[in-house]
């Protein structure tokens, strides 16, 4: 029997997206996209080991989520 659900951190990440449309000429437009995944770079740890016969019992040995990631994109519409 494992009790992982009681000992794990809740997944609480912020994803953000910023979009800016820029007119270049009368018929040509640009669009700039910035996406922040895990915007505040919050570390969420995996559940601790629950096997009492293992040397890692009660220890957190890994990270559950990915670190902050930033994506940039530019789209040209004509």
C-alpha atoms as a PDB file:
ATOM      1  CA  UNK A   1       0.000   0.000   0.000  1.00  0.00           C
ATOM      2  CA  UNK A   2       1.359   3.421  -0.939  1.00  0.00           C
ATOM      3  CA  UNK A   3       0.320   6.795   0.372  1.00  0.00           C
ATOM      4  CA  UNK A   4       1.817   8.907  -2.425  1.00  0.00           C
ATOM      5  CA  UNK A   5      -1.264  11.073  -2.848  1.00  0.00           C
ATOM      6  CA  UNK A   6      -1.055  12.252   0.754  1.00  0.00           C
ATOM      7  CA  UNK A   7       2.636  13.129   0.628  1.00  0.00           C
ATOM      8  CA  UNK A   8       2.951  14.767  -2.826  1.00  0.00           C
ATOM      9  CA  UNK A   9       2.933  18.487  -3.481  1.00  0.00           C
ATOM     10  CA  UNK A  10       0.025  19.880  -5.441  1.00  0.00           C
ATOM     11  CA  UNK A  11       0.817  20.837  -9.034  1.00  0.00           C
ATOM     12  CA  UNK A  12       0.527  24.632  -9.098  1.00  0.00           C
ATOM     13  CA  UNK A  13       2.252  26.130 -12.134  1.00  0.00           C
ATOM     14  CA  UNK A  14       1.557  29.348 -13.987  1.00  0.00           C
ATOM     15  CA  UNK A  15       1.585  29.446 -17.795  1.00  0.00           C
ATOM     16  CA  UNK A  16       1.539  32.935 -19.376  1.00  0.00           C
ATOM     17  CA  UNK A  17       1.180  34.124 -22.938  1.00  0.00           C
ATOM     18  CA  UNK A  18       1.686  37.615 -24.328  1.00  0.00           C
ATOM     19  CA  UNK A  19       0.615  38.543 -27.864  1.00  0.00           C
ATOM     20  CA  UNK A  20       1.329  41.847 -29.609  1.00  0.00           C
ATOM     21  CA  UNK A  21       0.059  42.667 -33.112  1.00  0.00           C
ATOM     22  CA  UNK A  22       2.128  45.241 -34.993  1.00  0.00           C
ATOM     23  CA  UNK A  23       0.950  46.914 -38.222  1.00  0.00           C
ATOM     24  CA  UNK A  24       3.880  47.196 -40.630  1.00  0.00           C
ATOM     25  CA  UNK A  25       2.130  48.560 -43.725  1.00  0.00           C
ATOM     26  CA  UNK A  26      -1.515  48.841 -44.772  1.00  0.00           C
ATOM     27  CA  UNK A  27      -1.618  45.169 -45.857  1.00  0.00           C
ATOM     28  CA  UNK A  28       1.196  43.611 -43.835  1.00  0.00           C
ATOM     29  CA  UNK A  29       0.959  42.836 -40.116  1.00  0.00           C
ATOM     30  CA  UNK A  30       3.336  41.219 -37.683  1.00  0.00           C
ATOM     31  CA  UNK A  31       2.485  39.292 -34.548  1.00  0.00           C
ATOM     32  CA  UNK A  32       4.909  38.677 -31.676  1.00  0.00           C
ATOM     33  CA  UNK A  33       4.141  35.829 -29.242  1.00  0.00           C
ATOM     34  CA  UNK A  34       5.920  35.210 -25.945  1.00  0.00           C
ATOM     35  CA  UNK A  35       4.947  32.141 -23.921  1.00  0.00           C
ATOM     36  CA  UNK A  36       6.210  31.437 -20.409  1.00  0.00           C
ATOM     37  CA  UNK A  37       5.821  27.856 -19.213  1.00  0.00           C
ATOM     38  CA  UNK A  38       6.192  27.532 -15.438  1.00  0.00           C
ATOM     39  CA  UNK A  39       6.410  31.323 -15.437  1.00  0.00           C
ATOM     40  CA  UNK A  40       7.584  31.767 -11.830  1.00  0.00           C
ATOM     41  CA  UNK A  41       9.985  28.788 -12.002  1.00  0.00           C
ATOM     42  CA  UNK A  42       8.374  27.021  -9.056  1.00  0.00           C
ATOM     43  CA  UNK A  43      10.010  23.713  -8.162  1.00  0.00           C
ATOM     44  CA  UNK A  44       7.621  20.864  -7.432  1.00  0.00           C
ATOM     45  CA  UNK A  45       9.282  17.835  -5.915  1.00  0.00           C
ATOM     46  CA  UNK A  46       8.274  14.229  -6.499  1.00  0.00           C
ATOM     47  CA  UNK A  47       6.818  12.166  -3.673  1.00  0.00           C
ATOM     48  CA  UNK A  48       9.273  10.765  -1.131  1.00  0.00           C
ATOM     49  CA  UNK A  49      10.137   7.086  -1.156  1.00  0.00           C
ATOM     50  CA  UNK A  50       7.535   5.021   0.729  1.00  0.00           C
ATOM     51  CA  UNK A  51       9.258   1.617   0.851  1.00  0.00           C
ATOM     52  CA  UNK A  52      10.611   1.214   4.418  1.00  0.00           C
ATOM     53  CA  UNK A  53      13.155  -1.405   3.300  1.00  0.00           C
ATOM     54  CA  UNK A  54      14.764   0.925   0.743  1.00  0.00           C
ATOM     55  CA  UNK A  55      17.659   3.267   1.579  1.00  0.00           C
ATOM     56  CA  UNK A  56      15.747   6.196   0.050  1.00  0.00           C
ATOM     57  CA  UNK A  57      12.789   5.832   2.420  1.00  0.00           C
ATOM     58  CA  UNK A  58      11.380   9.267   3.201  1.00  0.00           C
ATOM     59  CA  UNK A  59      13.782  11.047   0.830  1.00  0.00           C
ATOM     60  CA  UNK A  60      12.822  13.152  -2.164  1.00  0.00           C
ATOM     61  CA  UNK A  61      15.169  12.214  -4.984  1.00  0.00           C
ATOM     62  CA  UNK A  62      13.719  13.959  -8.042  1.00  0.00           C
ATOM     63  CA  UNK A  63      11.790  16.934  -9.368  1.00  0.00           C
ATOM     64  CA  UNK A  64       8.231  16.378 -10.660  1.00  0.00           C
ATOM     65  CA  UNK A  65       7.916  19.314 -13.065  1.00  0.00           C
ATOM     66  CA  UNK A  66      10.118  20.920 -15.696  1.00  0.00           C
ATOM     67  CA  UNK A  67      12.025  24.173 -15.115  1.00  0.00           C
ATOM     68  CA  UNK A  68      10.927  27.490 -16.589  1.00  0.00           C
ATOM     69  CA  UNK A  69      10.761  27.625 -20.370  1.00  0.00           C
ATOM     70  CA  UNK A  70      10.326  30.659 -22.628  1.00  0.00           C
ATOM     71  CA  UNK A  71       9.089  30.403 -26.231  1.00  0.00           C
ATOM     72  CA  UNK A  72       9.281  33.273 -28.701  1.00  0.00           C
ATOM     73  CA  UNK A  73       7.530  33.415 -32.073  1.00  0.00           C
ATOM     74  CA  UNK A  74       7.038  35.961 -34.823  1.00  0.00           C
ATOM     75  CA  UNK A  75       4.341  35.668 -37.489  1.00  0.00           C
ATOM     76  CA  UNK A  76       4.166  37.811 -40.607  1.00  0.00           C
ATOM     77  CA  UNK A  77       0.718  38.142 -42.226  1.00  0.00           C
ATOM     78  CA  UNK A  78       0.257  39.624 -45.682  1.00  0.00           C
END
